[in-house]
N, C-alpha and C. Protein backbone atom coordinates (compact mmCIF):
# COMPACT_ATOMS: atom_id res chain seq x y z
N MET A 1 58.18 16.46 71.62
CA MET A 1 58.42 17.65 72.40
C MET A 1 59.45 18.56 71.72
N GLY A 2 60.43 17.92 71.08
CA GLY A 2 61.44 18.71 70.40
C GLY A 2 60.86 19.57 69.30
N ASN A 3 59.90 19.02 68.56
CA ASN A 3 59.26 19.78 67.49
C ASN A 3 58.47 20.96 68.05
N ILE A 4 57.77 20.72 69.15
CA ILE A 4 56.99 21.79 69.79
C ILE A 4 57.92 22.89 70.28
N PHE A 5 59.03 22.47 70.91
CA PHE A 5 60.00 23.45 71.41
C PHE A 5 60.57 24.27 70.25
N ALA A 6 61.01 23.57 69.18
CA ALA A 6 61.59 24.27 68.03
C ALA A 6 60.57 25.21 67.39
N GLY A 7 59.33 24.78 67.28
CA GLY A 7 58.28 25.63 66.72
C GLY A 7 58.09 26.90 67.52
N ASN A 8 58.11 26.76 68.85
CA ASN A 8 57.96 27.95 69.70
C ASN A 8 59.18 28.85 69.62
N CYS A 9 60.34 28.29 69.36
CA CYS A 9 61.53 29.13 69.15
C CYS A 9 61.39 29.92 67.85
N ILE A 10 60.89 29.27 66.81
CA ILE A 10 60.68 29.95 65.54
C ILE A 10 59.66 31.07 65.68
N LEU A 11 58.61 30.82 66.46
CA LEU A 11 57.59 31.84 66.68
C LEU A 11 58.05 32.97 67.60
N GLY A 12 59.19 32.78 68.26
CA GLY A 12 59.71 33.80 69.16
C GLY A 12 59.19 33.68 70.58
N ASN A 13 58.45 32.61 70.88
CA ASN A 13 57.92 32.41 72.23
C ASN A 13 58.99 31.91 73.21
N LEU A 14 59.98 31.22 72.69
CA LEU A 14 61.08 30.69 73.50
C LEU A 14 62.40 30.96 72.79
N LYS A 15 63.48 30.88 73.53
CA LYS A 15 64.81 31.00 72.96
C LYS A 15 65.47 29.63 72.98
N PRO A 16 66.23 29.28 71.95
CA PRO A 16 66.90 27.98 71.95
C PRO A 16 67.78 27.76 73.19
N SER A 17 68.31 28.83 73.75
CA SER A 17 69.18 28.71 74.93
C SER A 17 68.41 28.33 76.19
N THR A 18 67.07 28.29 76.10
CA THR A 18 66.25 27.88 77.25
C THR A 18 66.60 26.46 77.67
N MET A 19 66.93 25.63 76.70
CA MET A 19 67.24 24.22 76.96
C MET A 19 68.72 23.97 76.74
N LYS A 20 69.33 23.20 77.64
CA LYS A 20 70.74 22.86 77.48
C LYS A 20 70.91 21.91 76.30
N SER A 21 72.08 21.92 75.73
CA SER A 21 72.40 20.98 74.65
C SER A 21 72.77 19.63 75.25
N GLY A 22 72.82 18.62 74.41
CA GLY A 22 73.23 17.29 74.87
C GLY A 22 74.63 17.31 75.47
N ILE A 23 75.51 18.10 74.90
CA ILE A 23 76.88 18.20 75.43
C ILE A 23 76.86 18.82 76.82
N GLU A 24 76.04 19.85 77.02
CA GLU A 24 75.94 20.46 78.35
C GLU A 24 75.41 19.46 79.37
N TYR A 25 74.42 18.66 78.96
CA TYR A 25 73.89 17.63 79.87
C TYR A 25 74.95 16.59 80.20
N MET A 26 75.73 16.18 79.22
CA MET A 26 76.75 15.15 79.46
C MET A 26 77.86 15.67 80.37
N THR A 27 78.28 16.92 80.20
CA THR A 27 79.32 17.46 81.09
C THR A 27 78.79 17.59 82.51
N PHE A 28 77.52 17.98 82.67
CA PHE A 28 76.91 18.04 83.99
C PHE A 28 76.85 16.64 84.61
N LEU A 29 76.42 15.65 83.81
CA LEU A 29 76.32 14.27 84.30
C LEU A 29 77.69 13.73 84.71
N ALA A 30 78.73 14.06 83.94
CA ALA A 30 80.08 13.60 84.27
C ALA A 30 80.52 14.14 85.63
N ASP A 31 80.30 15.42 85.87
CA ASP A 31 80.65 16.01 87.17
C ASP A 31 79.82 15.39 88.29
N TRP A 32 78.52 15.24 88.06
CA TRP A 32 77.63 14.69 89.08
C TRP A 32 78.00 13.24 89.40
N TYR A 33 78.23 12.42 88.35
CA TYR A 33 78.58 11.01 88.55
C TYR A 33 79.89 10.89 89.32
N THR A 34 80.87 11.69 88.96
CA THR A 34 82.17 11.67 89.64
C THR A 34 82.00 12.01 91.12
N ASP A 35 81.24 13.05 91.41
CA ASP A 35 81.00 13.45 92.81
C ASP A 35 80.23 12.38 93.57
N TYR A 36 79.13 11.92 92.98
CA TYR A 36 78.22 11.00 93.67
C TYR A 36 78.87 9.66 93.97
N THR A 37 79.71 9.16 93.08
CA THR A 37 80.26 7.82 93.25
C THR A 37 81.59 7.80 94.01
N LYS A 38 81.96 8.90 94.64
CA LYS A 38 83.21 8.92 95.42
C LYS A 38 83.18 7.91 96.56
N ASP A 39 82.03 7.77 97.22
CA ASP A 39 81.97 6.89 98.38
C ASP A 39 80.81 5.89 98.33
N LYS A 40 80.14 5.77 97.17
CA LYS A 40 79.05 4.80 97.04
C LYS A 40 78.84 4.45 95.57
N GLY A 41 78.21 3.33 95.35
CA GLY A 41 77.91 2.90 93.99
C GLY A 41 76.62 3.53 93.49
N LEU A 42 76.40 3.39 92.20
CA LEU A 42 75.22 3.95 91.56
C LEU A 42 74.74 2.99 90.48
N GLY A 43 73.48 2.64 90.53
CA GLY A 43 72.91 1.76 89.52
C GLY A 43 72.26 2.54 88.40
N PHE A 44 71.92 1.81 87.36
CA PHE A 44 71.31 2.43 86.18
C PHE A 44 70.01 1.71 85.87
N PHE A 45 68.91 2.45 85.90
CA PHE A 45 67.59 1.92 85.61
C PHE A 45 67.10 2.58 84.33
N GLN A 46 67.00 1.79 83.28
CA GLN A 46 66.67 2.33 81.95
C GLN A 46 65.27 1.90 81.53
N ILE A 47 64.49 2.87 81.10
CA ILE A 47 63.17 2.56 80.56
C ILE A 47 63.24 2.76 79.05
N GLY A 48 63.00 1.69 78.33
CA GLY A 48 63.10 1.74 76.88
C GLY A 48 64.52 1.41 76.44
N GLY A 49 64.79 1.66 75.21
CA GLY A 49 66.11 1.35 74.68
C GLY A 49 66.54 2.41 73.70
N GLY A 50 67.55 2.07 72.94
CA GLY A 50 68.00 2.97 71.90
C GLY A 50 68.94 4.05 72.38
N ILE A 51 69.16 5.02 71.54
CA ILE A 51 70.15 6.06 71.79
C ILE A 51 69.79 6.90 73.01
N ALA A 52 68.52 7.24 73.19
CA ALA A 52 68.14 8.07 74.34
C ALA A 52 68.49 7.38 75.65
N GLY A 53 68.28 6.07 75.72
CA GLY A 53 68.62 5.34 76.93
C GLY A 53 70.11 5.13 77.08
N ASP A 54 70.81 5.06 75.96
CA ASP A 54 72.24 4.79 76.00
C ASP A 54 73.07 6.03 76.32
N PHE A 55 72.53 7.19 76.04
CA PHE A 55 73.28 8.43 76.24
C PHE A 55 73.83 8.57 77.66
N PRO A 56 73.00 8.51 78.71
CA PRO A 56 73.55 8.72 80.05
C PRO A 56 74.46 7.60 80.54
N ILE A 57 74.22 6.37 80.12
CA ILE A 57 75.06 5.27 80.60
C ILE A 57 76.49 5.38 80.04
N CYS A 58 76.64 6.14 78.95
CA CYS A 58 77.96 6.33 78.33
C CYS A 58 78.87 7.26 79.11
N VAL A 59 78.38 7.85 80.20
CA VAL A 59 79.23 8.74 80.98
C VAL A 59 80.43 7.97 81.54
N VAL A 60 80.23 6.71 81.90
CA VAL A 60 81.33 5.93 82.49
C VAL A 60 82.45 5.67 81.48
N PRO A 61 82.15 5.12 80.29
CA PRO A 61 83.26 4.95 79.34
C PRO A 61 83.89 6.27 78.91
N MET A 62 83.11 7.35 78.88
CA MET A 62 83.69 8.65 78.55
C MET A 62 84.72 9.06 79.60
N LEU A 63 84.35 8.92 80.87
CA LEU A 63 85.28 9.28 81.95
C LEU A 63 86.53 8.41 81.91
N GLU A 64 86.34 7.11 81.69
CA GLU A 64 87.46 6.16 81.68
C GLU A 64 88.32 6.30 80.42
N GLN A 65 87.70 6.25 79.27
CA GLN A 65 88.44 6.14 78.01
C GLN A 65 88.86 7.49 77.44
N ASP A 66 87.98 8.46 77.49
CA ASP A 66 88.29 9.75 76.87
C ASP A 66 89.03 10.69 77.81
N LEU A 67 88.69 10.63 79.10
CA LEU A 67 89.34 11.51 80.07
C LEU A 67 90.41 10.80 80.89
N GLU A 68 90.52 9.48 80.68
CA GLU A 68 91.54 8.65 81.35
C GLU A 68 91.47 8.79 82.87
N ARG A 69 90.25 8.82 83.39
CA ARG A 69 90.02 8.86 84.84
C ARG A 69 89.64 7.47 85.32
N THR A 70 90.10 7.11 86.48
CA THR A 70 89.64 5.87 87.10
C THR A 70 88.30 6.17 87.75
N THR A 71 87.29 5.47 87.31
CA THR A 71 85.94 5.74 87.81
C THR A 71 85.21 4.42 88.00
N PRO A 72 84.34 4.32 89.00
CA PRO A 72 83.61 3.06 89.18
C PRO A 72 82.60 2.85 88.05
N LEU A 73 82.43 1.59 87.66
CA LEU A 73 81.40 1.26 86.68
C LEU A 73 80.04 1.32 87.37
N TRP A 74 78.99 1.26 86.60
CA TRP A 74 77.64 1.22 87.17
C TRP A 74 77.52 0.00 88.07
N SER A 75 76.86 0.14 89.22
CA SER A 75 76.75 -0.93 90.21
C SER A 75 75.73 -2.00 89.82
N TYR A 76 74.71 -1.63 89.11
CA TYR A 76 73.75 -2.59 88.58
C TYR A 76 73.10 -1.97 87.35
N PHE A 77 72.43 -2.80 86.59
CA PHE A 77 71.72 -2.32 85.40
C PHE A 77 70.39 -3.05 85.31
N CYS A 78 69.33 -2.27 85.14
CA CYS A 78 68.00 -2.84 84.93
C CYS A 78 67.34 -2.07 83.79
N GLN A 79 66.72 -2.81 82.89
CA GLN A 79 66.06 -2.19 81.75
C GLN A 79 64.67 -2.76 81.57
N ILE A 80 63.70 -1.88 81.35
CA ILE A 80 62.36 -2.30 80.94
C ILE A 80 62.26 -1.97 79.46
N SER A 81 61.97 -2.99 78.66
CA SER A 81 61.88 -2.75 77.22
C SER A 81 60.99 -3.80 76.58
N ASP A 82 60.25 -3.39 75.58
CA ASP A 82 59.47 -4.37 74.82
C ASP A 82 60.12 -4.66 73.47
N SER A 83 61.36 -4.20 73.30
CA SER A 83 62.09 -4.48 72.07
C SER A 83 62.51 -5.95 72.03
N THR A 84 62.54 -6.49 70.84
CA THR A 84 62.99 -7.85 70.67
C THR A 84 64.48 -7.91 70.98
N THR A 85 64.86 -8.87 71.84
CA THR A 85 66.26 -9.03 72.20
C THR A 85 67.06 -9.48 70.98
N SER A 86 68.13 -8.76 70.70
CA SER A 86 68.99 -9.12 69.58
C SER A 86 70.37 -8.52 69.79
N TYR A 87 71.33 -9.09 69.13
CA TYR A 87 72.68 -8.54 69.16
C TYR A 87 72.83 -7.68 67.91
N GLY A 88 73.25 -6.45 68.09
CA GLY A 88 73.46 -5.57 66.95
C GLY A 88 72.44 -4.46 66.84
N SER A 89 71.21 -4.68 67.34
CA SER A 89 70.25 -3.57 67.28
C SER A 89 70.38 -2.77 68.56
N TYR A 90 70.20 -1.48 68.47
CA TYR A 90 70.38 -0.62 69.63
C TYR A 90 69.32 -0.85 70.68
N SER A 91 68.06 -0.86 70.29
CA SER A 91 66.98 -0.97 71.26
C SER A 91 66.91 -2.35 71.89
N GLY A 92 67.28 -3.37 71.16
CA GLY A 92 67.16 -4.73 71.67
C GLY A 92 68.46 -5.33 72.19
N ALA A 93 69.50 -4.54 72.29
CA ALA A 93 70.78 -5.07 72.77
C ALA A 93 70.65 -5.54 74.21
N VAL A 94 71.18 -6.73 74.47
CA VAL A 94 71.12 -7.29 75.82
C VAL A 94 72.12 -6.60 76.74
N PRO A 95 71.91 -6.63 78.06
CA PRO A 95 72.82 -5.96 78.99
C PRO A 95 74.29 -6.37 78.84
N ASN A 96 74.55 -7.62 78.48
CA ASN A 96 75.95 -8.06 78.33
C ASN A 96 76.70 -7.27 77.26
N GLU A 97 75.97 -6.70 76.29
CA GLU A 97 76.60 -5.87 75.26
C GLU A 97 77.31 -4.69 75.90
N LYS A 98 76.81 -4.23 77.04
CA LYS A 98 77.37 -3.05 77.69
C LYS A 98 78.73 -3.34 78.35
N ILE A 99 79.06 -4.61 78.50
CA ILE A 99 80.37 -4.98 79.06
C ILE A 99 81.48 -4.61 78.08
N THR A 100 81.27 -4.90 76.81
CA THR A 100 82.31 -4.67 75.81
C THR A 100 82.63 -3.19 75.63
N TRP A 101 81.70 -2.32 76.01
CA TRP A 101 81.92 -0.88 75.87
C TRP A 101 82.42 -0.23 77.14
N GLY A 102 82.62 -1.02 78.20
CA GLY A 102 83.13 -0.48 79.44
C GLY A 102 82.09 0.25 80.27
N LYS A 103 80.83 -0.09 80.08
CA LYS A 103 79.75 0.53 80.86
C LYS A 103 79.45 -0.30 82.10
N LEU A 104 79.53 -1.63 81.96
CA LEU A 104 79.26 -2.57 83.05
C LEU A 104 80.40 -3.57 83.13
N ALA A 105 80.58 -4.16 84.31
CA ALA A 105 81.56 -5.24 84.48
C ALA A 105 80.86 -6.58 84.23
N ALA A 106 81.64 -7.61 84.01
CA ALA A 106 81.07 -8.94 83.76
C ALA A 106 80.23 -9.41 84.94
N ASP A 107 80.61 -9.03 86.15
CA ASP A 107 79.88 -9.48 87.33
C ASP A 107 78.84 -8.47 87.84
N THR A 108 78.59 -7.41 87.10
CA THR A 108 77.56 -6.44 87.48
C THR A 108 76.19 -7.12 87.41
N PRO A 109 75.36 -6.98 88.44
CA PRO A 109 74.00 -7.52 88.34
C PRO A 109 73.25 -6.83 87.20
N LYS A 110 72.69 -7.65 86.32
CA LYS A 110 72.01 -7.13 85.13
C LYS A 110 70.63 -7.77 85.01
N TYR A 111 69.63 -6.93 84.80
CA TYR A 111 68.26 -7.42 84.70
C TYR A 111 67.59 -6.78 83.49
N ILE A 112 66.77 -7.56 82.82
CA ILE A 112 65.96 -7.00 81.74
C ILE A 112 64.53 -7.48 81.95
N VAL A 113 63.61 -6.55 81.95
CA VAL A 113 62.19 -6.85 82.09
C VAL A 113 61.59 -6.62 80.72
N GLU A 114 61.22 -7.71 80.06
CA GLU A 114 60.68 -7.61 78.71
C GLU A 114 59.17 -7.42 78.81
N SER A 115 58.76 -6.18 78.79
CA SER A 115 57.34 -5.85 78.92
C SER A 115 57.11 -4.40 78.50
N ASP A 116 55.87 -4.00 78.54
CA ASP A 116 55.49 -2.63 78.24
C ASP A 116 55.81 -1.77 79.45
N ALA A 117 56.66 -0.79 79.27
CA ALA A 117 57.12 0.06 80.38
C ALA A 117 55.99 0.87 81.00
N THR A 118 54.96 1.19 80.22
CA THR A 118 53.87 1.99 80.79
C THR A 118 53.07 1.19 81.82
N ILE A 119 53.18 -0.12 81.77
CA ILE A 119 52.52 -0.99 82.76
C ILE A 119 53.49 -1.34 83.89
N VAL A 120 54.68 -1.77 83.53
CA VAL A 120 55.62 -2.31 84.51
C VAL A 120 56.30 -1.23 85.35
N ALA A 121 56.72 -0.12 84.76
CA ALA A 121 57.44 0.91 85.51
C ALA A 121 56.64 1.43 86.70
N PRO A 122 55.35 1.78 86.54
CA PRO A 122 54.60 2.24 87.72
C PRO A 122 54.51 1.18 88.82
N LEU A 123 54.42 -0.08 88.44
CA LEU A 123 54.37 -1.16 89.45
C LEU A 123 55.69 -1.26 90.20
N ILE A 124 56.80 -1.17 89.48
CA ILE A 124 58.12 -1.22 90.12
C ILE A 124 58.31 0.00 91.02
N PHE A 125 57.98 1.18 90.53
CA PHE A 125 58.14 2.39 91.33
C PHE A 125 57.29 2.33 92.59
N ALA A 126 56.05 1.82 92.47
CA ALA A 126 55.17 1.70 93.64
C ALA A 126 55.80 0.77 94.68
N LYS A 127 56.37 -0.33 94.24
CA LYS A 127 57.01 -1.27 95.17
C LYS A 127 58.23 -0.63 95.84
N VAL A 128 59.08 0.01 95.04
CA VAL A 128 60.28 0.64 95.58
C VAL A 128 59.93 1.75 96.57
N LEU A 129 58.88 2.51 96.27
CA LEU A 129 58.47 3.61 97.14
C LEU A 129 57.59 3.16 98.31
N GLY A 130 57.30 1.85 98.35
CA GLY A 130 56.52 1.31 99.46
C GLY A 130 55.05 1.63 99.41
N TRP A 131 54.48 1.82 98.25
CA TRP A 131 53.06 2.14 98.13
C TRP A 131 52.23 0.87 98.06
C-alpha cells in the first residue's frame, strides 16, 4: 500500500500530507492511551509480528522511560503469528521478551496462538463478537 500511495503522490493524485507520519501516530496513541487507561486497563491483541506489530505496544515504555510518566502496563497480551518462536528475532520473539522492555509485567496474562492469522483471527473475532 505504501508503494501505491507514494506512486499516487508522485503522479500528483495525492499529497504526502494526506497520511500522518509514524511520529504523528505515536503521539496520538500516547495521548489516547494515557486518557483511556486512567480508570481501566487495556490489553494488546497483535496479529503477526515484527516491527509493525511492535510499534504500538512501545507506547508504554515511551511514556514510562522517555517521558518519565507513571503509566499502567498493558493488561494482557495476545498474539497470532505463524513465525517460528525464537529469542532474538523480531517476528518470533515470545511474549516474555516484552517484559524486559517494560511493555508487559511478569504477571501479565500472555498468550500466543501459533497459526495462520487469516484463519484464526476471523474465528476469534466471531467468538468475541458473539457470532
